[in-house]
């Protein structure tokens, strides 16, 4: 049981590190936006959100598979 908790803790640390990198890069991109180049139409087609949900579900499946075995 202790080894599975170590793995979950380690995966949580990796997840936290990745999230902090993404947030930092988004903040840097937000600070460097040129107002004249902002598109007037919505260019977000939702694929990035779908991909993030897919990755989170795969991570959840990996953790659950490890804990069950």
Protein backbone atom coordinates (compact mmCIF):
# COMPACT_ATOMS: atom_id res chain seq x y z
CA UNK A 1 0.00 0.00 0.00
CA UNK A 2 2.85 2.36 0.80
CA UNK A 3 4.41 1.88 -2.62
CA UNK A 4 1.14 2.71 -4.38
CA UNK A 5 0.84 5.88 -2.34
CA UNK A 6 4.38 6.80 -3.37
CA UNK A 7 3.47 6.37 -7.02
CA UNK A 8 0.33 8.48 -6.64
CA UNK A 9 2.34 11.14 -4.83
CA UNK A 10 5.02 11.07 -7.56
CA UNK A 11 2.41 11.37 -10.31
CA UNK A 12 0.84 14.27 -8.43
CA UNK A 13 4.19 16.04 -8.29
CA UNK A 14 4.69 15.56 -12.03
CA UNK A 15 1.17 16.86 -12.69
CA UNK A 16 1.76 19.91 -10.48
CA UNK A 17 5.04 20.67 -12.24
CA UNK A 18 3.42 20.44 -15.67
CA UNK A 19 0.53 22.66 -14.63
CA UNK A 20 2.89 25.30 -13.25
CA UNK A 21 4.84 25.36 -16.53
CA UNK A 22 1.65 25.74 -18.56
CA UNK A 23 0.32 28.52 -16.34
CA UNK A 24 3.65 30.37 -16.47
CA UNK A 25 3.78 30.17 -20.27
CA UNK A 26 0.17 31.37 -20.56
CA UNK A 27 0.90 34.34 -18.30
CA UNK A 28 3.98 35.22 -20.35
CA UNK A 29 1.96 34.97 -23.56
CA UNK A 30 -0.77 37.16 -22.08
CA UNK A 31 1.72 39.87 -21.18
CA UNK A 32 3.17 39.99 -24.70
CA UNK A 33 -0.08 40.31 -26.70
CA UNK A 34 -0.14 43.00 -29.37
CA UNK A 35 -3.61 44.54 -29.28
CA UNK A 36 -3.60 45.23 -33.02
CA UNK A 37 -3.22 41.53 -33.85
CA UNK A 38 -6.13 40.17 -31.81
CA UNK A 39 -8.57 38.37 -34.12
CA UNK A 40 -12.18 39.48 -33.96
CA UNK A 41 -13.61 35.99 -34.51
CA UNK A 42 -13.44 33.08 -32.11
CA UNK A 43 -10.61 30.81 -33.29
CA UNK A 44 -10.96 28.27 -30.47
CA UNK A 45 -12.51 25.12 -31.89
CA UNK A 46 -12.29 23.19 -28.63
CA UNK A 47 -9.63 20.70 -29.70
CA UNK A 48 -7.20 21.79 -26.97
CA UNK A 49 -9.88 21.28 -24.33
CA UNK A 50 -10.75 17.87 -25.77
CA UNK A 51 -7.08 16.89 -25.75
CA UNK A 52 -6.66 17.99 -22.13
CA UNK A 53 -9.71 15.97 -21.07
CA UNK A 54 -8.32 12.97 -22.93
CA UNK A 55 -4.96 13.23 -21.18
CA UNK A 56 -6.60 13.55 -17.77
CA UNK A 57 -8.75 10.50 -18.42
CA UNK A 58 -5.71 8.50 -19.53
CA UNK A 59 -3.85 9.54 -16.38
CA UNK A 60 -6.81 8.51 -14.25
CA UNK A 61 -6.98 5.14 -16.03
CA UNK A 62 -3.26 4.62 -15.47
CA UNK A 63 -3.51 5.36 -11.75
CA UNK A 64 -6.60 3.18 -11.32
CA UNK A 65 -4.99 0.31 -13.22
CA UNK A 66 -1.90 0.53 -11.05
CA UNK A 67 -3.93 0.61 -7.83
CA UNK A 68 -6.14 -2.33 -8.85
CA UNK A 69 -3.20 -4.57 -9.76
